[in-house]
């Protein structure tokens, strides 16, 4: 049973069922640990649980049918539930990056030693089989006080923890980060430790953060400790770049970008749309200063940094492709009611709408987030989306059958279809009042 927290505190830890390893009189102790304990205390659903086994060896685990899966340290899957059981371990820094550690796992490692190596106090708690909370570092106190705080100064040894901290700050927006923890993050940036982050792990943390309700908090925290310039220099470069106040009351290009991703989250947009929203204006950091604040040509200039981020982080193809289309053509969408029918058709073709109709809706959702991600304009209407959908539906009705019936062949069929699609789009345009 999940206990809901009291208004001014945290609920009683629930009892947790852990597996009896049935290893006789000297059976090791099993504890539920980490994020699932934190979430249960907060009253949140916790479908995935992790367990630590104290007093066991790999040989004992395998004899009881547990399947080893850990490459760097002993982690095992339960033979029935397939939940993860890790041997209690300690770690010692041996190099750069999150992989630069030497681990020791054995029957002599205590639960407290295992919890000591974790990043934040709220993630360094455990429950025993009777539901008793083991909390040597004050994690429950920090939950009550809505605070994210490092367990020890060893926090600085793993650069990935900066990203994890930013993600937790995004998931729990009512939590404050302890000043001392922020200072440790700045030390990591200054030491160059973040240069050793693995791109795939950066994307993993970023992807998770983008799917929260207020993803801007992730990038705000990174920027506040100086990490944004190291991890996302293309995004960091947007801050301090002005825009036309008439269209952007928030003025700052970086602030606008964060407002756009928050608006995309409010619209319950999928990941591809949120990523496209994040990188859609990167060209504004490259626009010559004489073009400020209008940023003429920033759409095409932005394709290079969009491609750079996508390649560097191995961003999935659907996210990468939509990001390019939004970056290059979002102003076309904003001006859709002014465009000639031929230009509207060109836009629909560039978006690959006739082959993949779903791409149009994703593109328009990102464009809507761009328009509404502006100070005081969060609820502005976006009639351009309905207009472009109407144009697409009209153009989609055109098939090759009529040109075939007329005896046309080859390229003449395609040209006849384009003429008819332009005519039908023009008909939609003429039907708009005013």
Protein backbone atom coordinates (compact mmCIF):
# COMPACT_ATOMS: atom_id res chain seq x y z
CA UNK A 1 0.00 0.00 0.00
CA UNK A 2 1.24 3.48 -0.85
CA UNK A 3 0.84 5.93 2.01
CA UNK A 4 -0.02 9.46 0.94
CA UNK A 5 2.03 12.17 2.64
CA UNK A 6 0.48 14.49 5.17
CA UNK A 7 0.12 18.12 4.10
CA UNK A 8 3.02 19.19 6.29
CA UNK A 9 5.14 16.09 6.14
CA UNK A 10 5.86 12.67 4.74
CA UNK A 11 3.77 9.60 5.31
CA UNK A 12 4.84 6.46 7.16
CA UNK A 13 6.91 4.12 5.01
CA UNK A 14 4.83 1.26 3.65
CA UNK A 15 5.77 -2.35 4.25
CA UNK A 16 7.59 -3.78 1.28
CA UNK A 17 7.72 -7.36 0.15
CA UNK A 18 11.26 -8.44 -0.70
CA UNK A 19 12.40 -11.85 -1.77
CA UNK A 20 13.61 -14.39 0.79
CA UNK A 21 16.78 -15.64 -0.80
CA UNK A 22 16.47 -18.82 1.29
CA UNK A 23 20.18 -19.24 1.84
CA UNK A 24 19.90 -20.81 5.27
CA UNK A 25 20.86 -19.41 8.63
CA UNK A 26 23.35 -17.01 7.11
CA UNK A 27 20.91 -15.60 4.54
CA UNK A 28 21.86 -12.10 3.43
CA UNK A 29 19.69 -9.08 4.16
CA UNK A 30 17.66 -7.60 1.30
CA UNK A 31 16.59 -3.94 1.15
CA UNK A 32 14.53 -1.90 -1.26
CA UNK A 33 16.58 1.19 -2.11
CA UNK A 34 16.78 4.35 -4.17
CA UNK A 35 14.13 6.19 -6.11
CA UNK A 36 11.29 3.77 -5.41
CA UNK A 37 11.69 4.39 -1.66
CA UNK A 38 11.67 8.14 -2.25
CA UNK A 39 8.57 7.96 -4.43
CA UNK A 40 6.68 5.73 -1.98
CA UNK A 41 7.38 8.20 0.81
CA UNK A 42 6.06 11.00 -1.39
CA UNK A 43 2.97 8.97 -2.24
CA UNK A 44 3.87 8.58 -5.90
CA UNK A 45 3.39 5.41 -7.93
CA UNK A 46 6.57 3.36 -7.97
CA UNK A 47 6.32 0.52 -10.48
CA UNK A 48 10.08 -0.12 -10.75
CA UNK A 49 11.94 -1.16 -7.62
CA UNK A 50 15.62 -1.78 -6.99
CA UNK A 51 17.07 -3.95 -4.26
CA UNK A 52 20.42 -4.20 -2.52
CA UNK A 53 21.64 -7.46 -1.05
CA UNK A 54 23.98 -7.18 1.95
CA UNK A 55 26.15 -10.11 2.99
CA UNK A 56 26.07 -12.12 -0.24
CA UNK A 57 28.51 -13.12 -2.93
CA UNK A 58 27.94 -13.56 -6.67
CA UNK A 59 28.23 -17.31 -6.21
CA UNK A 60 25.43 -17.39 -3.65
CA UNK A 61 23.18 -15.33 -5.94
CA UNK A 62 23.70 -17.55 -8.97
CA UNK A 63 23.14 -20.71 -6.92
CA UNK A 64 19.69 -19.41 -6.04
CA UNK A 65 18.80 -18.89 -9.71
CA UNK A 66 19.51 -15.18 -10.03
CA UNK A 67 20.76 -14.20 -13.49
CA UNK A 68 23.82 -11.90 -13.57
CA UNK A 69 23.39 -8.87 -15.85
CA UNK A 70 25.82 -6.25 -14.57
CA UNK A 71 28.98 -5.69 -16.59
CA UNK A 72 30.72 -3.26 -14.23
CA UNK A 73 29.44 -4.60 -10.89
CA UNK A 74 27.30 -7.53 -9.72
CA UNK A 75 23.64 -6.98 -10.58
CA UNK A 76 21.21 -9.87 -10.83
CA UNK A 77 17.69 -10.43 -12.08
CA UNK A 78 15.25 -12.28 -9.86
CA UNK A 79 14.33 -15.59 -11.53
CA UNK A 80 10.58 -14.91 -11.22
CA UNK A 81 9.93 -11.15 -10.88
CA UNK A 82 12.94 -10.09 -13.01
CA UNK A 83 13.52 -7.17 -10.64
CA UNK A 84 17.11 -6.03 -10.15
CA UNK A 85 19.09 -7.11 -7.11
CA UNK A 86 22.55 -5.56 -6.73
CA UNK A 87 25.20 -6.60 -4.25
CA UNK A 88 26.07 -3.84 -1.82
CA UNK A 89 29.14 -2.07 -3.11
CA UNK A 90 31.56 0.78 -2.57
CA UNK A 91 33.26 2.80 -5.27
CA UNK A 92 36.55 4.64 -5.66
CA UNK A 93 37.39 7.28 -8.26
CA UNK A 94 39.99 6.02 -10.71
CA UNK A 95 39.60 8.24 -13.79
CA UNK A 96 37.44 10.81 -15.52
CA UNK A 97 33.72 10.61 -16.24
CA UNK A 98 30.98 8.49 -14.78
CA UNK A 99 32.82 5.33 -15.86
CA UNK A 100 36.00 6.30 -14.06
CA UNK A 101 35.34 4.25 -10.92
CA UNK A 102 36.60 1.06 -9.32
CA UNK A 103 33.87 -0.87 -7.54
CA UNK A 104 34.11 -3.31 -4.67
CA UNK A 105 31.18 -5.62 -3.99
CA UNK A 106 31.32 -8.33 -1.36
CA UNK A 107 29.77 -9.71 1.83
CA UNK A 108 31.79 -7.23 3.90
CA UNK A 109 30.11 -4.10 2.41
CA UNK A 110 27.44 -2.64 4.70
CA UNK A 111 24.16 -1.05 3.70
CA UNK A 112 25.31 2.35 4.94
CA UNK A 113 28.47 2.12 2.82
CA UNK A 114 26.33 1.34 -0.21
CA UNK A 115 24.00 4.26 0.47
CA UNK A 116 26.94 6.61 1.04
CA UNK A 117 28.02 6.35 -2.63
CA UNK A 118 24.64 7.64 -3.89
CA UNK A 119 24.08 11.14 -5.25
CA UNK A 120 21.30 12.77 -3.21
CA UNK A 121 20.02 12.14 0.28
CA UNK A 122 16.48 11.58 -1.02
CA UNK A 123 17.89 8.71 -3.11
CA UNK A 124 19.97 7.26 -0.26
CA UNK A 125 17.25 5.63 1.82
CA UNK A 126 16.27 1.98 2.18
CA UNK A 127 13.37 -0.12 3.43
CA UNK A 128 13.78 -3.48 5.08
CA UNK A 129 11.33 -6.35 4.73
CA UNK A 130 9.20 -4.99 7.59
CA UNK A 131 8.90 -1.54 6.08
CA UNK A 132 11.37 0.07 8.48
CA UNK A 133 13.11 3.07 6.97
CA UNK A 134 16.91 3.15 7.03
CA UNK A 135 17.95 6.76 6.51
CA UNK A 136 21.52 7.48 7.63
CA UNK A 137 21.88 10.78 5.73
CA UNK A 138 18.63 12.63 6.42
CA UNK A 139 16.78 11.94 3.19
CA UNK A 140 13.36 11.91 4.81
CA UNK A 141 14.07 15.27 6.46
CA UNK A 142 15.01 16.68 3.06
CA UNK A 143 11.79 15.30 1.56
CA UNK A 144 9.75 17.06 4.24
CA UNK A 145 11.65 20.29 3.60
CA UNK A 146 11.52 19.88 -0.20
CA UNK A 147 15.27 19.99 -0.60
CA UNK A 148 17.71 18.28 -2.96
CA UNK A 149 21.05 17.84 -1.21
CA UNK A 150 24.16 15.77 -1.92
CA UNK A 151 25.05 12.84 0.33
CA UNK A 152 28.77 13.60 0.51
CA UNK A 153 31.50 15.58 -1.21
CA UNK A 154 32.09 12.50 -3.37
CA UNK A 155 29.23 13.97 -5.41
CA UNK A 156 31.89 15.80 -7.46
CA UNK A 157 33.43 12.55 -8.68
CA UNK A 158 30.65 11.78 -11.17
CA UNK A 159 29.82 14.51 -13.74
CA UNK A 160 26.59 12.76 -14.67
CA UNK A 161 25.24 13.86 -11.29
CA UNK A 162 24.97 17.43 -12.52
CA UNK A 163 22.50 16.29 -15.15
CA UNK A 164 20.70 13.99 -12.73
CA UNK A 165 20.34 16.83 -10.24
CA UNK A 166 18.90 19.06 -12.96
CA UNK A 167 16.47 16.30 -13.93
CA UNK A 168 15.34 15.78 -10.33
CA UNK A 169 14.90 19.54 -9.94
CA UNK A 170 12.67 19.40 -13.02
CA UNK A 171 10.65 16.42 -11.86
CA UNK A 172 10.14 18.00 -8.41
CA UNK A 173 9.69 21.70 -9.21
CA UNK A 174 8.68 22.58 -5.63
CA UNK A 175 12.05 21.34 -4.33
CA UNK A 176 14.97 23.70 -3.76
CA UNK A 177 18.54 22.66 -4.45
CA UNK A 178 20.86 23.10 -1.48
CA UNK A 179 23.35 25.94 -2.10
CA UNK A 180 26.26 23.68 -1.16
CA UNK A 181 25.16 21.15 -3.78
CA UNK A 182 25.03 23.85 -6.45
CA UNK A 183 28.53 24.90 -5.45
CA UNK A 184 29.79 21.35 -5.98
CA UNK A 185 28.27 21.44 -9.46
CA UNK A 186 30.18 24.64 -10.21
CA UNK A 187 33.38 22.99 -9.01
CA UNK A 188 32.82 20.15 -11.47
CA UNK A 189 32.31 22.62 -14.31
CA UNK A 190 35.45 24.54 -13.38
CA UNK A 191 37.53 21.37 -13.12
CA UNK A 192 36.57 20.25 -16.63
CA UNK A 193 34.99 17.04 -15.37
CA UNK A 194 31.88 17.62 -17.49
CA UNK A 195 33.99 17.37 -20.63
CA UNK A 196 34.07 13.61 -20.05
CA UNK A 197 30.31 13.08 -20.13
CA UNK A 198 29.20 10.41 -22.60
CA UNK A 199 26.84 11.93 -25.22
CA UNK A 200 24.36 9.06 -24.98
CA UNK A 201 23.93 9.66 -21.25
CA UNK A 202 23.45 13.38 -21.86
CA UNK A 203 20.61 12.58 -24.24
CA UNK A 204 19.12 10.05 -21.83
CA UNK A 205 18.87 12.64 -19.05
CA UNK A 206 17.72 15.38 -21.44
CA UNK A 207 15.02 13.16 -22.93
CA UNK A 208 13.62 12.42 -19.48
CA UNK A 209 13.75 16.08 -18.45
CA UNK A 210 11.97 17.24 -21.61
CA UNK A 211 9.00 15.03 -20.75
CA UNK A 212 8.30 16.71 -17.40
CA UNK A 213 5.76 19.50 -16.95
CA UNK A 214 8.30 22.34 -16.75
CA UNK A 215 11.42 21.25 -18.67
CA UNK A 216 12.84 24.78 -18.59
CA UNK A 217 13.95 24.12 -15.01
CA UNK A 218 16.45 21.54 -16.28
CA UNK A 219 18.19 24.06 -18.51
CA UNK A 220 17.90 26.88 -15.97
CA UNK A 221 19.77 24.85 -13.38
CA UNK A 222 22.47 23.82 -15.86
CA UNK A 223 22.92 27.43 -16.88
CA UNK A 224 23.02 28.58 -13.26
CA UNK A 225 26.05 26.40 -12.50
CA UNK A 226 27.79 27.07 -15.82
CA UNK A 227 27.11 23.61 -17.24
CA UNK A 228 24.86 24.70 -20.11
CA UNK A 229 27.80 26.31 -21.94
CA UNK A 230 29.69 23.01 -21.72
CA UNK A 231 26.91 20.56 -22.54
CA UNK A 232 24.65 22.64 -24.79
CA UNK A 233 26.77 25.57 -26.05
CA UNK A 234 24.36 26.17 -28.94
CA UNK A 235 21.50 26.78 -26.50
CA UNK A 236 23.60 28.75 -24.04
CA UNK A 237 24.59 31.11 -26.87
CA UNK A 238 20.96 32.25 -27.20
CA UNK A 239 20.91 33.95 -23.81
CA UNK A 240 21.55 37.67 -24.04
CA UNK A 241 20.58 37.77 -27.73
CA UNK A 242 17.70 40.28 -28.15
CA UNK A 243 14.60 39.92 -30.33
CA UNK A 244 12.02 42.33 -31.65
CA UNK A 245 9.88 43.39 -28.69
CA UNK A 246 6.79 43.62 -30.89
CA UNK A 247 6.82 39.88 -31.46
CA UNK A 248 8.81 38.84 -28.40
CA UNK A 249 7.88 40.78 -25.25
CA UNK A 250 10.29 38.53 -23.33
CA UNK A 251 13.11 40.01 -25.53
CA UNK A 252 15.78 37.43 -24.72
CA UNK A 253 16.13 34.58 -27.24
CA UNK A 254 17.22 32.08 -24.61
CA UNK A 255 14.30 32.90 -22.35
CA UNK A 256 11.95 32.54 -25.31
CA UNK A 257 13.33 29.07 -26.04
CA UNK A 258 12.65 27.92 -22.48
CA UNK A 259 9.14 29.36 -22.63
CA UNK A 260 8.53 27.43 -25.85
CA UNK A 261 9.51 24.07 -24.37
CA UNK A 262 7.34 24.74 -21.33
CA UNK A 263 4.42 25.58 -23.61
CA UNK A 264 5.05 22.38 -25.59
CA UNK A 265 4.83 20.49 -22.29
CA UNK A 266 1.54 22.23 -21.45
CA UNK A 267 0.24 21.06 -24.82
CA UNK A 268 1.19 17.47 -23.86
CA UNK A 269 3.42 17.32 -26.91
CA UNK A 270 5.44 14.15 -27.62
CA UNK A 271 9.21 14.07 -27.30
CA UNK A 272 9.94 14.93 -30.94
CA UNK A 273 7.91 18.15 -30.66
CA UNK A 274 9.59 19.14 -27.40
CA UNK A 275 13.04 18.57 -28.86
CA UNK A 276 12.17 20.55 -31.98
CA UNK A 277 10.88 23.35 -29.73
CA UNK A 278 14.18 23.35 -27.85
CA UNK A 279 16.36 23.82 -30.93
CA UNK A 280 14.07 25.68 -33.35
CA UNK A 281 15.72 29.10 -32.89
CA UNK A 282 19.41 28.18 -32.65
CA UNK A 283 20.12 30.30 -35.73
CA UNK A 284 19.44 33.47 -33.75
CA UNK A 285 22.79 33.07 -32.01
CA UNK A 286 24.46 33.08 -35.45
CA UNK A 287 22.62 36.00 -37.01
CA UNK A 288 24.97 38.94 -37.61
CA UNK A 289 24.55 41.64 -35.00
CA UNK A 290 23.40 44.12 -37.65
CA UNK A 291 20.37 41.86 -38.16
CA UNK A 292 19.40 42.02 -34.50
CA UNK A 293 16.67 42.05 -33.33
CA UNK A 294 14.87 40.92 -36.51
CA UNK A 295 17.18 37.92 -37.08
CA UNK A 296 16.57 37.72 -40.80
CA UNK A 297 17.61 34.30 -42.13
CA UNK A 298 17.95 32.64 -38.76
CA UNK A 299 15.87 29.67 -39.94
CA UNK A 300 18.44 28.38 -42.43
CA UNK A 301 21.39 29.43 -40.26
CA UNK A 302 19.96 27.28 -37.48
CA UNK A 303 20.19 24.05 -39.46
CA UNK A 304 23.92 23.67 -38.82
CA UNK A 305 23.70 23.82 -34.99
CA UNK A 306 20.52 21.69 -35.04
CA UNK A 307 22.40 19.02 -36.97
CA UNK A 308 25.40 19.40 -34.66
CA UNK A 309 23.43 18.75 -31.47
CA UNK A 310 21.45 15.92 -33.03
CA UNK A 311 24.60 14.17 -34.25
CA UNK A 312 26.59 14.77 -31.08
CA UNK A 313 23.89 13.30 -28.82
CA UNK A 314 22.74 10.58 -31.25
CA UNK A 315 19.23 11.99 -31.13
CA UNK A 316 16.59 9.58 -32.56
CA UNK A 317 15.72 10.07 -36.21
CA UNK A 318 12.13 11.20 -35.62
CA UNK A 319 13.32 13.94 -33.27
CA UNK A 320 16.14 14.97 -35.60
CA UNK A 321 13.96 15.15 -38.71
CA UNK A 322 11.19 17.14 -37.05
CA UNK A 323 13.72 19.53 -35.51
CA UNK A 324 15.13 20.35 -38.96
CA UNK A 325 11.68 20.94 -40.42
CA UNK A 326 10.53 23.15 -37.57
CA UNK A 327 13.81 25.07 -37.59
CA UNK A 328 13.67 25.75 -41.32
CA UNK A 329 9.95 26.31 -41.86
CA UNK A 330 8.35 27.61 -38.63
CA UNK A 331 8.11 31.15 -40.05
CA UNK A 332 6.33 29.74 -43.10
CA UNK A 333 3.70 28.35 -40.76
CA UNK A 334 3.38 31.64 -38.87
CA UNK A 335 2.82 33.46 -42.18
CA UNK A 336 0.62 30.74 -43.69
CA UNK A 337 -2.40 33.00 -44.22
CA UNK A 338 -0.24 35.32 -46.35
CA UNK A 339 1.44 32.65 -48.49
CA UNK A 340 0.60 31.93 -52.11
CA UNK A 341 -1.05 28.54 -52.77
CA UNK A 342 2.11 27.35 -54.55
CA UNK A 343 4.20 28.18 -51.46
CA UNK A 344 1.74 26.40 -49.17
CA UNK A 345 1.98 23.32 -51.39
CA UNK A 346 5.77 23.52 -51.33
CA UNK A 347 5.63 23.64 -47.52
CA UNK A 348 3.41 20.56 -47.33
CA UNK A 349 5.79 18.72 -49.65
CA UNK A 350 8.88 19.77 -47.66
CA UNK A 351 7.18 18.41 -44.54
CA UNK A 352 6.63 15.07 -46.31
CA UNK A 353 2.96 15.41 -45.39
CA UNK A 354 1.57 13.41 -48.31
CA UNK A 355 3.70 10.40 -47.42
CA UNK A 356 3.52 10.80 -43.62
CA UNK A 357 0.40 12.83 -42.75
CA UNK A 358 1.20 12.72 -39.03
CA UNK A 359 4.25 14.94 -39.54
CA UNK A 360 2.04 17.94 -40.28
CA UNK A 361 0.32 17.78 -36.89
CA UNK A 362 3.65 17.42 -35.07
CA UNK A 363 5.11 20.34 -37.02
CA UNK A 364 2.10 22.54 -36.29
CA UNK A 365 2.14 21.66 -32.59
CA UNK A 366 5.75 22.85 -32.35
CA UNK A 367 4.86 26.02 -34.27
CA UNK A 368 1.96 26.68 -31.91
CA UNK A 369 4.31 26.29 -28.94
CA UNK A 370 6.65 28.80 -30.59
CA UNK A 371 3.90 31.40 -30.99
CA UNK A 372 2.52 30.87 -27.49
CA UNK A 373 5.90 30.59 -25.78
CA UNK A 374 6.08 34.36 -25.40
CA UNK A 375 5.53 36.61 -22.43
CA UNK A 376 1.82 37.35 -22.01
CA UNK A 377 0.86 35.49 -25.19
CA UNK A 378 0.58 31.98 -23.84
CA UNK A 379 -3.06 31.69 -24.90
CA UNK A 380 -2.92 33.51 -28.23
CA UNK A 381 -4.92 31.75 -30.95
CA UNK A 382 -3.08 30.01 -33.76
CA UNK A 383 -5.50 29.92 -36.73
CA UNK A 384 -2.62 29.12 -39.08
CA UNK A 385 -2.75 25.51 -37.90
CA UNK A 386 -6.39 25.04 -38.87
CA UNK A 387 -5.77 26.76 -42.19
CA UNK A 388 -2.82 24.56 -43.11
CA UNK A 389 -4.73 21.44 -42.11
CA UNK A 390 -7.62 22.52 -44.35
CA UNK A 391 -5.21 23.13 -47.22
CA UNK A 392 -3.68 19.71 -46.70
CA UNK A 393 -7.04 17.95 -46.65
CA UNK A 394 -8.02 19.68 -49.89
CA UNK A 395 -4.73 18.80 -51.57
CA UNK A 396 -4.87 15.23 -50.31
CA UNK A 397 -8.10 14.64 -52.22
CA UNK A 398 -6.22 14.99 -55.50
CA UNK A 399 -5.18 11.62 -56.96
CA UNK A 400 -3.50 10.44 -60.14
CA UNK A 401 -6.74 8.97 -61.49
CA UNK A 402 -7.95 12.05 -63.35
CA UNK A 403 -4.63 12.68 -65.16
CA UNK A 404 -4.55 8.99 -66.09
CA UNK A 405 -8.08 9.23 -67.45
CA UNK A 406 -6.89 12.16 -69.57
CA UNK A 407 -4.20 9.97 -71.05
CA UNK A 408 -1.28 11.72 -69.33
CA UNK A 409 1.90 9.81 -68.58
CA UNK A 410 5.07 10.11 -66.53
CA UNK A 411 6.07 13.61 -65.30
CA UNK A 412 2.91 15.07 -66.85
CA UNK A 413 0.83 13.24 -64.24
CA UNK A 414 2.77 14.77 -61.35
CA UNK A 415 2.57 18.24 -62.87
CA UNK A 416 -1.18 17.93 -63.39
CA UNK A 417 -1.62 16.84 -59.77
CA UNK A 418 0.41 19.84 -58.54
CA UNK A 419 -1.71 22.24 -60.59
CA UNK A 420 -4.91 20.76 -59.20
CA UNK A 421 -3.58 20.84 -55.64
CA UNK A 422 -2.62 24.51 -55.99
CA UNK A 423 -6.11 25.23 -57.34
CA UNK A 424 -7.77 23.54 -54.40
CA UNK A 425 -5.51 25.26 -51.88
CA UNK A 426 -6.38 28.58 -53.53
CA UNK A 427 -10.05 27.71 -53.10
CA UNK A 428 -9.47 27.20 -49.38
CA UNK A 429 -7.63 30.52 -49.22
CA UNK A 430 -10.47 32.34 -50.98
CA UNK A 431 -12.98 30.93 -48.49
CA UNK A 432 -11.32 32.71 -45.56
CA UNK A 433 -13.36 35.77 -44.51
CA UNK A 434 -11.62 39.11 -45.03
